[in-house]
């Protein structure tokens, strides 16, 4: 039996795939929320990661549904591949600094209040953000340092409260 040109088995399979996608998205969201209880990320970053993860699950679910319905996904996948490559080139520095920010927050090579020196910049750490670390120089200048520099360059740290 067919409905709107689709076999009833295809439609049932697509419905099951849609329901499964919804359930998986909920499970992923809850698992990430539980994981984030133990991380130092801001609530804004956590929400963004959860949202992106849900979208990824929904897109994969959509592909599964379309595949079950017999739609040829080759042109869509090729288009998404080209789009992904273009986006990754356009945002590679942002991504590099974001990942480095996660590493800096995890490794904790310095803390707020510590004095640091890296690539000619020296000052007291006032903020550790996900993409940049903000230091205040002796003369009051505020310097934003991309977190990727802390991964690829030597760093001098003078702990807060310790005399040099």
Protein backbone atom coordinates (compact mmCIF):
# COMPACT_ATOMS: atom_id res chain seq x y z
CA UNK A 1 0.00 0.00 0.00
CA UNK A 2 1.23 3.51 -0.80
CA UNK A 3 0.48 6.93 0.60
CA UNK A 4 1.62 10.02 -1.34
CA UNK A 5 3.97 7.86 -3.39
CA UNK A 6 5.67 6.26 -0.38
CA UNK A 7 5.36 2.67 0.77
CA UNK A 8 3.65 2.33 4.18
CA UNK A 9 6.77 0.55 5.52
CA UNK A 10 8.88 3.57 4.53
CA UNK A 11 6.49 5.94 6.28
CA UNK A 12 6.46 3.87 9.48
CA UNK A 13 10.26 3.64 9.37
CA UNK A 14 10.51 7.40 8.87
CA UNK A 15 8.14 8.02 11.80
CA UNK A 16 10.21 5.72 14.04
CA UNK A 17 13.38 7.51 12.93
CA UNK A 18 11.82 10.91 13.74
CA UNK A 19 10.77 9.76 17.19
CA UNK A 20 14.19 8.20 17.79
CA UNK A 21 15.88 11.44 16.73
CA UNK A 22 13.81 13.40 19.24
CA UNK A 23 14.66 10.94 22.04
CA UNK A 24 18.38 10.93 21.19
CA UNK A 25 18.42 14.76 21.15
CA UNK A 26 16.84 14.83 24.63
CA UNK A 27 19.31 12.24 25.97
CA UNK A 28 22.29 14.11 24.51
CA UNK A 29 21.05 17.42 25.98
CA UNK A 30 20.61 15.92 29.45
CA UNK A 31 23.96 14.12 29.32
CA UNK A 32 25.73 17.33 28.34
CA UNK A 33 23.91 19.31 31.04
CA UNK A 34 25.02 16.74 33.64
CA UNK A 35 28.60 16.87 32.34
CA UNK A 36 28.64 20.67 32.43
CA UNK A 37 27.83 20.65 36.16
CA UNK A 38 31.50 19.75 36.67
CA UNK A 39 33.10 22.20 34.20
CA UNK A 40 34.21 25.82 34.55
CA UNK A 41 32.41 26.97 31.37
CA UNK A 42 30.03 29.89 31.42
CA UNK A 43 26.33 29.15 31.16
CA UNK A 44 26.29 30.87 27.77
CA UNK A 45 28.96 28.54 26.34
CA UNK A 46 27.23 25.48 27.81
CA UNK A 47 23.89 26.46 26.23
CA UNK A 48 25.57 27.03 22.87
CA UNK A 49 27.25 23.61 22.96
CA UNK A 50 23.98 21.90 23.92
CA UNK A 51 22.11 23.74 21.16
CA UNK A 52 24.70 22.86 18.49
CA UNK A 53 24.72 19.22 19.65
CA UNK A 54 20.93 19.04 19.36
CA UNK A 55 21.07 20.52 15.86
CA UNK A 56 23.65 17.93 14.82
CA UNK A 57 21.40 15.14 16.11
CA UNK A 58 18.41 16.63 14.27
CA UNK A 59 20.35 16.95 10.99
CA UNK A 60 21.56 13.34 11.24
CA UNK A 61 17.99 12.28 12.02
CA UNK A 62 16.70 14.20 9.00
CA UNK A 63 19.24 12.44 6.78
CA UNK A 64 18.13 9.07 8.16
CA UNK A 65 14.46 9.92 7.50
CA UNK A 66 15.18 11.11 3.95
CA UNK A 67 17.27 8.01 3.30
CA UNK A 68 14.44 5.76 4.54
CA UNK A 69 12.07 7.59 2.19
CA UNK A 70 14.43 6.89 -0.72
CA UNK A 71 15.71 10.42 -1.30
CA UNK A 72 19.17 10.59 -2.93
CA UNK A 73 21.34 12.47 -0.44
CA UNK A 74 24.53 12.54 -2.51
CA UNK A 75 24.16 16.15 -3.74
CA UNK A 76 23.18 17.34 -0.26
CA UNK A 77 26.15 15.61 1.37
CA UNK A 78 28.56 17.00 -1.24
CA UNK A 79 27.12 20.49 -0.73
CA UNK A 80 27.42 20.22 3.05
CA UNK A 81 31.00 18.98 2.69
CA UNK A 82 31.99 21.98 0.56
CA UNK A 83 30.15 24.32 2.94
CA UNK A 84 31.87 22.76 5.98
CA UNK A 85 35.31 23.14 4.41
CA UNK A 86 34.62 26.81 3.60
CA UNK A 87 33.33 27.50 7.13
CA UNK A 88 36.27 25.71 8.76
CA UNK A 89 38.76 27.80 6.78
CA UNK A 90 36.89 31.00 7.58
CA UNK A 91 36.71 30.26 11.31
CA UNK A 92 39.92 28.32 11.92
CA UNK A 93 41.46 30.98 14.20
CA UNK A 94 38.25 31.26 16.22
CA UNK A 95 38.08 27.47 16.53
CA UNK A 96 41.78 27.25 17.44
CA UNK A 97 41.37 29.88 20.18
CA UNK A 98 38.14 28.27 21.43
CA UNK A 99 39.78 24.84 21.74
CA UNK A 100 42.86 26.43 23.30
CA UNK A 101 40.58 28.19 25.80
CA UNK A 102 39.15 24.83 26.82
CA UNK A 103 42.69 23.48 27.25
CA UNK A 104 43.81 26.56 29.24
CA UNK A 105 40.79 26.24 31.53
CA UNK A 106 41.46 22.53 31.99
CA UNK A 107 45.25 22.70 32.47
CA UNK A 108 45.10 25.94 34.51
CA UNK A 109 48.67 27.11 33.82
CA UNK A 110 47.73 30.43 35.47
CA UNK A 111 44.92 31.94 37.53
CA UNK A 112 43.28 35.32 37.86
CA UNK A 113 45.70 37.57 39.72
CA UNK A 114 48.84 35.80 38.49
CA UNK A 115 51.40 37.82 36.52
CA UNK A 116 52.22 36.33 33.15
CA UNK A 117 54.63 37.08 30.33
CA UNK A 118 54.16 35.74 26.82
CA UNK A 119 55.59 36.96 23.50
CA UNK A 120 56.61 40.34 24.89
CA UNK A 121 53.34 40.99 26.70
CA UNK A 122 53.40 41.13 30.48
CA UNK A 123 50.71 41.83 33.01
CA UNK A 124 48.31 40.63 35.67
CA UNK A 125 45.59 38.18 34.56
CA UNK A 126 42.17 39.81 35.04
CA UNK A 127 39.92 37.53 32.95
CA UNK A 128 40.16 34.09 31.39
CA UNK A 129 37.63 33.87 28.58
CA UNK A 130 36.92 31.00 26.23
CA UNK A 131 38.83 32.60 23.30
CA UNK A 132 41.08 35.15 24.98
CA UNK A 133 42.81 35.89 28.25
CA UNK A 134 42.80 39.52 29.40
CA UNK A 135 45.81 40.94 31.22
CA UNK A 136 46.47 44.39 32.64
CA UNK A 137 49.95 45.78 32.05
CA UNK A 138 51.88 47.85 34.62
CA UNK A 139 50.93 51.06 32.77
CA UNK A 140 47.21 50.17 32.94
CA UNK A 141 46.89 48.96 29.35
CA UNK A 142 44.44 46.12 28.90
CA UNK A 143 45.72 43.40 26.56
CA UNK A 144 43.60 40.58 25.12
CA UNK A 145 45.77 37.58 24.29
CA UNK A 146 44.41 34.80 22.05
CA UNK A 147 44.41 31.55 24.05
CA UNK A 148 46.13 29.68 21.21
CA UNK A 149 49.34 31.55 22.12
CA UNK A 150 49.44 29.78 25.50
CA UNK A 151 49.46 26.41 23.74
CA UNK A 152 52.21 27.23 21.24
CA UNK A 153 54.55 29.60 23.11
CA UNK A 154 56.67 29.60 26.25
CA UNK A 155 54.86 31.21 29.16
CA UNK A 156 56.30 32.78 32.32
CA UNK A 157 53.94 32.69 35.31
CA UNK A 158 54.49 34.51 38.61
CA UNK A 159 51.89 33.23 41.04
CA UNK A 160 49.79 35.77 42.87
CA UNK A 161 51.15 36.39 46.35
CA UNK A 162 54.67 35.07 45.64
CA UNK A 163 57.64 37.44 45.57
CA UNK A 164 59.98 37.32 42.58
